[in-house]
């Protein structure tokens, strides 16, 4: 079965990238370069789903693409 998920790749101030998957809250990855982040995300999502299935947990499906918005706040 093929699933599709939105991933968020966030550049870190000290270098590298943090990878999150909004539909899979337990998944977080880190990579040094963006290309590596994509490969790690694919592998990590697959492992995360396999772990959920092995534990008898439901596998979340992405129902709607998340929106990322920018908000300016005076502080």
N, C-alpha and C. Protein backbone atom coordinates (compact mmCIF):
# COMPACT_ATOMS: atom_id res chain seq x y z
N UNK A 1 0.84 -1.18 0.00
CA UNK A 1 0.00 0.00 0.00
C UNK A 1 0.89 1.24 0.00
N UNK A 2 0.53 2.20 -0.80
CA UNK A 2 1.28 3.45 -0.85
C UNK A 2 0.48 4.54 -0.16
N UNK A 3 1.15 5.27 0.72
CA UNK A 3 0.53 6.40 1.42
C UNK A 3 1.28 7.66 1.05
N UNK A 4 0.60 8.79 1.16
CA UNK A 4 1.23 10.06 0.86
C UNK A 4 1.11 10.98 2.07
N UNK A 5 2.24 11.57 2.47
CA UNK A 5 2.27 12.46 3.62
C UNK A 5 3.01 13.74 3.27
N UNK A 6 2.58 14.82 3.87
CA UNK A 6 3.30 16.08 3.78
C UNK A 6 4.41 16.05 4.81
N UNK A 7 5.62 16.43 4.41
CA UNK A 7 6.72 16.54 5.36
C UNK A 7 7.12 18.01 5.46
N UNK A 8 7.61 18.38 6.62
CA UNK A 8 8.09 19.74 6.85
C UNK A 8 9.58 19.64 7.14
N UNK A 9 10.38 20.32 6.33
CA UNK A 9 11.83 20.33 6.51
C UNK A 9 12.19 21.74 6.97
N UNK A 10 12.63 21.84 8.22
CA UNK A 10 12.93 23.13 8.83
C UNK A 10 14.43 23.31 8.98
N UNK A 11 15.00 24.35 8.34
CA UNK A 11 16.43 24.62 8.52
C UNK A 11 16.72 25.01 9.98
N UNK A 12 17.79 24.48 10.53
CA UNK A 12 18.17 24.79 11.90
C UNK A 12 19.22 25.91 11.89
N UNK A 13 19.20 26.79 12.90
CA UNK A 13 20.15 27.92 12.95
C UNK A 13 21.62 27.50 12.91
N UNK A 14 21.94 26.37 13.52
CA UNK A 14 23.32 25.91 13.57
C UNK A 14 23.68 24.95 12.44
N UNK A 15 22.76 24.80 11.49
CA UNK A 15 22.98 23.90 10.36
C UNK A 15 22.13 22.66 10.45
N UNK A 16 21.90 22.04 9.34
CA UNK A 16 21.09 20.85 9.29
C UNK A 16 19.61 21.17 9.20
N UNK A 17 18.83 20.12 9.17
CA UNK A 17 17.39 20.24 8.98
C UNK A 17 16.64 19.29 9.91
N UNK A 18 15.58 19.78 10.49
CA UNK A 18 14.67 18.94 11.26
C UNK A 18 13.50 18.57 10.36
N UNK A 19 13.11 17.31 10.42
CA UNK A 19 12.03 16.79 9.58
C UNK A 19 10.87 16.39 10.47
N UNK A 20 9.68 16.89 10.17
CA UNK A 20 8.48 16.48 10.88
C UNK A 20 7.40 16.11 9.87
N UNK A 21 6.44 15.34 10.33
CA UNK A 21 5.32 14.91 9.50
C UNK A 21 4.06 15.21 10.29
N UNK A 22 3.34 16.26 9.92
CA UNK A 22 2.17 16.65 10.72
C UNK A 22 1.16 15.52 10.98
N UNK A 23 0.96 14.63 10.03
CA UNK A 23 0.01 13.53 10.21
C UNK A 23 0.54 12.42 11.12
N UNK A 24 1.87 12.42 11.36
CA UNK A 24 2.50 11.41 12.21
C UNK A 24 3.25 12.12 13.33
N UNK A 25 2.53 12.58 14.35
CA UNK A 25 3.15 13.41 15.38
C UNK A 25 4.36 12.79 16.08
N UNK A 26 4.49 11.49 16.10
CA UNK A 26 5.62 10.87 16.77
C UNK A 26 6.89 10.84 15.95
N UNK A 27 6.83 11.26 14.69
CA UNK A 27 8.01 11.18 13.84
C UNK A 27 8.75 12.51 13.79
N UNK A 28 10.04 12.46 14.13
CA UNK A 28 10.94 13.61 14.00
C UNK A 28 12.29 13.06 13.54
N UNK A 29 12.88 13.70 12.54
CA UNK A 29 14.18 13.29 12.05
C UNK A 29 15.10 14.49 11.93
N UNK A 30 16.38 14.23 11.74
CA UNK A 30 17.36 15.30 11.57
C UNK A 30 18.36 14.86 10.51
N UNK A 31 18.71 15.78 9.61
CA UNK A 31 19.69 15.49 8.56
C UNK A 31 20.58 16.70 8.35
N UNK A 32 21.77 16.45 7.85
CA UNK A 32 22.72 17.53 7.62
C UNK A 32 22.41 18.33 6.36
N UNK A 33 21.94 17.65 5.31
CA UNK A 33 21.63 18.35 4.06
C UNK A 33 20.20 18.01 3.62
N UNK A 34 19.63 18.89 2.80
CA UNK A 34 18.23 18.73 2.42
C UNK A 34 17.98 17.43 1.65
N UNK A 35 18.86 17.06 0.75
CA UNK A 35 18.68 15.82 -0.01
C UNK A 35 18.65 14.61 0.92
N UNK A 36 19.51 14.63 1.92
CA UNK A 36 19.54 13.56 2.93
C UNK A 36 18.24 13.56 3.72
N UNK A 37 17.69 14.73 3.98
CA UNK A 37 16.44 14.84 4.74
C UNK A 37 15.30 14.14 4.02
N UNK A 38 15.25 14.28 2.70
CA UNK A 38 14.18 13.61 1.94
C UNK A 38 14.29 12.09 2.03
N UNK A 39 15.50 11.57 1.88
CA UNK A 39 15.71 10.13 1.98
C UNK A 39 15.40 9.62 3.39
N UNK A 40 15.86 10.38 4.38
CA UNK A 40 15.60 10.00 5.77
C UNK A 40 14.11 10.01 6.08
N UNK A 41 13.40 11.00 5.56
CA UNK A 41 11.96 11.09 5.78
C UNK A 41 11.26 9.87 5.21
N UNK A 42 11.60 9.48 4.00
CA UNK A 42 10.96 8.32 3.39
C UNK A 42 11.21 7.05 4.21
N UNK A 43 12.45 6.85 4.57
CA UNK A 43 12.81 5.67 5.38
C UNK A 43 12.16 5.73 6.75
N UNK A 44 12.20 6.90 7.38
CA UNK A 44 11.65 7.06 8.73
C UNK A 44 10.15 6.89 8.77
N UNK A 45 9.45 7.41 7.77
CA UNK A 45 7.99 7.26 7.71
C UNK A 45 7.64 5.79 7.55
N UNK A 46 8.35 5.10 6.67
CA UNK A 46 8.10 3.67 6.47
C UNK A 46 8.29 2.90 7.78
N UNK A 47 9.38 3.17 8.48
CA UNK A 47 9.65 2.49 9.75
C UNK A 47 8.59 2.84 10.80
N UNK A 48 8.20 4.11 10.86
CA UNK A 48 7.18 4.56 11.81
C UNK A 48 5.86 3.82 11.57
N UNK A 49 5.46 3.71 10.30
CA UNK A 49 4.22 3.01 9.97
C UNK A 49 4.32 1.53 10.32
N UNK A 50 5.45 0.91 10.00
CA UNK A 50 5.64 -0.50 10.33
C UNK A 50 5.56 -0.72 11.84
N UNK A 51 6.11 0.20 12.62
CA UNK A 51 6.06 0.09 14.08
C UNK A 51 4.63 0.21 14.59
N UNK A 52 3.87 1.15 14.03
CA UNK A 52 2.47 1.30 14.44
C UNK A 52 1.69 0.02 14.15
N UNK A 53 1.88 -0.54 12.97
CA UNK A 53 1.18 -1.77 12.60
C UNK A 53 1.57 -2.91 13.53
N UNK A 54 2.87 -3.06 13.81
CA UNK A 54 3.35 -4.13 14.70
C UNK A 54 2.76 -4.01 16.10
N UNK A 55 2.51 -2.77 16.53
CA UNK A 55 1.94 -2.54 17.86
C UNK A 55 0.41 -2.58 17.87
N UNK A 56 -0.18 -2.83 16.70
CA UNK A 56 -1.63 -2.88 16.61
C UNK A 56 -2.29 -1.50 16.67
N UNK A 57 -1.51 -0.47 16.41
CA UNK A 57 -2.02 0.91 16.44
C UNK A 57 -2.54 1.29 15.05
N UNK A 58 -3.51 2.20 14.99
CA UNK A 58 -3.96 2.66 13.68
C UNK A 58 -2.89 3.53 13.00
N UNK A 59 -2.84 3.46 11.69
CA UNK A 59 -1.91 4.29 10.92
C UNK A 59 -2.67 5.52 10.45
N UNK A 60 -2.25 6.71 10.93
CA UNK A 60 -2.95 7.93 10.52
C UNK A 60 -2.80 8.18 9.01
N UNK A 61 -3.87 8.63 8.41
CA UNK A 61 -3.85 9.03 7.01
C UNK A 61 -3.93 10.55 6.97
N UNK A 62 -3.28 11.14 6.02
CA UNK A 62 -3.37 12.59 5.86
C UNK A 62 -4.66 12.88 5.10
N UNK A 63 -5.61 13.49 5.78
CA UNK A 63 -6.91 13.76 5.18
C UNK A 63 -6.86 15.03 4.35
N UNK A 64 -6.18 16.01 4.86
CA UNK A 64 -6.08 17.30 4.19
C UNK A 64 -4.66 17.81 4.35
N UNK A 65 -4.12 18.43 3.30
CA UNK A 65 -2.76 18.96 3.40
C UNK A 65 -2.71 20.07 4.44
N UNK A 66 -1.72 20.01 5.34
CA UNK A 66 -1.59 21.09 6.32
C UNK A 66 -1.21 22.39 5.62
N UNK A 67 -1.55 23.48 6.24
CA UNK A 67 -1.18 24.80 5.72
C UNK A 67 -0.13 25.40 6.64
N UNK A 68 0.87 25.98 6.06
CA UNK A 68 1.90 26.69 6.82
C UNK A 68 1.73 28.17 6.52
N UNK A 69 1.48 28.93 7.56
CA UNK A 69 1.24 30.37 7.42
C UNK A 69 2.30 31.13 8.18
N UNK A 70 2.54 32.34 7.76
CA UNK A 70 3.49 33.22 8.45
C UNK A 70 2.68 34.31 9.14
N UNK A 71 2.97 34.53 10.40
CA UNK A 71 2.24 35.50 11.21
C UNK A 71 3.22 36.44 11.87
N UNK A 72 3.03 37.75 11.72
CA UNK A 72 3.89 38.73 12.38
C UNK A 72 3.24 39.12 13.69
N UNK A 73 4.03 39.10 14.77
CA UNK A 73 3.54 39.44 16.09
C UNK A 73 4.46 40.47 16.71
N UNK A 74 3.89 41.59 17.11
CA UNK A 74 4.68 42.63 17.79
C UNK A 74 4.89 42.18 19.23
N UNK A 75 6.15 42.13 19.64
CA UNK A 75 6.43 41.70 21.01
C UNK A 75 7.56 42.56 21.59
